[in-house]
Amino acid sequence: MREPLTASRTTTQRVPHDLTRLVYELLDAHDDTVQLAHEGAVEEWQWHLRYLRDLQRVGREILADTTSP
């Protein structure tokens, strides 16, 4: 499992980089979820759910940064 992606206050030049990182992080999170479900790793679910909530929050921040003037 990976540590959650952290939002960085971006300039216009950094936005594409942050979006690319976000997409890769979402793909990795999906793969981690599938693996945990397949393995039945019950004890790791609590950590993984916190990671997904953090990822959702950071993703929303990055998306907000891309749409703000």
Protein backbone atom coordinates (compact mmCIF):
# COMPACT_ATOMS: atom_id res chain seq x y z
CA MET A 1 0.00 0.00 0.00
CA ARG A 2 1.07 3.52 -0.69
CA GLU A 3 0.85 6.66 1.38
CA PRO A 4 -1.94 8.99 0.19
CA LEU A 5 -1.14 11.56 -2.44
CA THR A 6 -0.78 15.02 -0.92
CA ALA A 7 -2.19 18.10 -2.54
CA SER A 8 0.24 20.82 -3.42
CA ARG A 9 -0.81 24.36 -4.05
CA THR A 10 -0.22 24.51 -7.74
CA THR A 11 0.44 27.09 -10.34
CA THR A 12 -1.05 26.75 -13.80
CA GLN A 13 2.08 24.93 -15.01
CA ARG A 14 1.82 22.27 -12.25
CA VAL A 15 -1.85 21.39 -12.79
CA PRO A 16 -1.29 18.82 -15.58
CA HIS A 17 1.39 17.10 -13.47
CA ASP A 18 -0.93 16.93 -10.45
CA LEU A 19 -3.78 15.55 -12.56
CA THR A 20 -1.50 12.89 -14.00
CA ARG A 21 -0.33 11.88 -10.51
CA LEU A 22 -3.96 11.78 -9.35
CA VAL A 23 -5.00 9.47 -12.19
CA TYR A 24 -2.14 7.07 -11.50
CA GLU A 25 -2.91 7.13 -7.77
CA LEU A 26 -6.58 6.33 -8.47
CA LEU A 27 -5.58 3.43 -10.73
CA ASP A 28 -3.23 2.08 -8.07
CA ALA A 29 -5.90 2.45 -5.39
CA HIS A 30 -8.33 0.48 -7.52
CA ASP A 31 -5.78 -2.30 -7.96
CA ASP A 32 -5.05 -2.34 -4.22
CA THR A 33 -8.78 -2.64 -3.50
CA VAL A 34 -9.16 -5.59 -5.85
CA GLN A 35 -6.15 -7.34 -4.33
CA LEU A 36 -7.38 -6.83 -0.76
CA ALA A 37 -10.82 -8.13 -1.68
CA HIS A 38 -9.35 -11.17 -3.38
CA GLU A 39 -7.01 -11.94 -0.46
CA GLY A 40 -9.70 -11.36 2.16
CA ALA A 41 -7.29 -9.13 4.10
CA VAL A 42 -9.83 -8.02 6.69
CA GLU A 43 -7.32 -6.38 9.03
CA GLU A 44 -5.94 -4.17 6.27
CA TRP A 45 -9.37 -2.84 5.24
CA GLN A 46 -9.53 -0.15 7.93
CA TRP A 47 -6.21 1.32 6.82
CA HIS A 48 -7.21 1.04 3.17
CA LEU A 49 -10.55 2.78 3.76
CA ARG A 50 -8.76 5.69 5.46
CA TYR A 51 -6.38 5.84 2.50
CA LEU A 52 -9.33 5.96 0.07
CA ARG A 53 -11.02 8.76 2.06
CA ASP A 54 -7.77 10.76 2.05
CA LEU A 55 -7.37 10.12 -1.66
CA GLN A 56 -10.90 11.35 -2.29
CA ARG A 57 -10.25 14.55 -0.32
CA VAL A 58 -6.95 15.26 -2.11
CA GLY A 59 -8.50 14.45 -5.48
CA ARG A 60 -11.25 16.98 -4.85
CA GLU A 61 -8.66 19.59 -3.87
CA ILE A 62 -6.66 18.99 -7.05
CA LEU A 63 -9.80 19.15 -9.19
CA ALA A 64 -10.86 22.37 -7.46
CA ASP A 65 -7.45 23.85 -8.20
CA THR A 66 -7.84 23.02 -11.89
CA THR A 67 -11.20 24.77 -12.15
CA SER A 68 -10.45 27.86 -10.05
CA PRO A 69 -9.44 30.99 -11.97
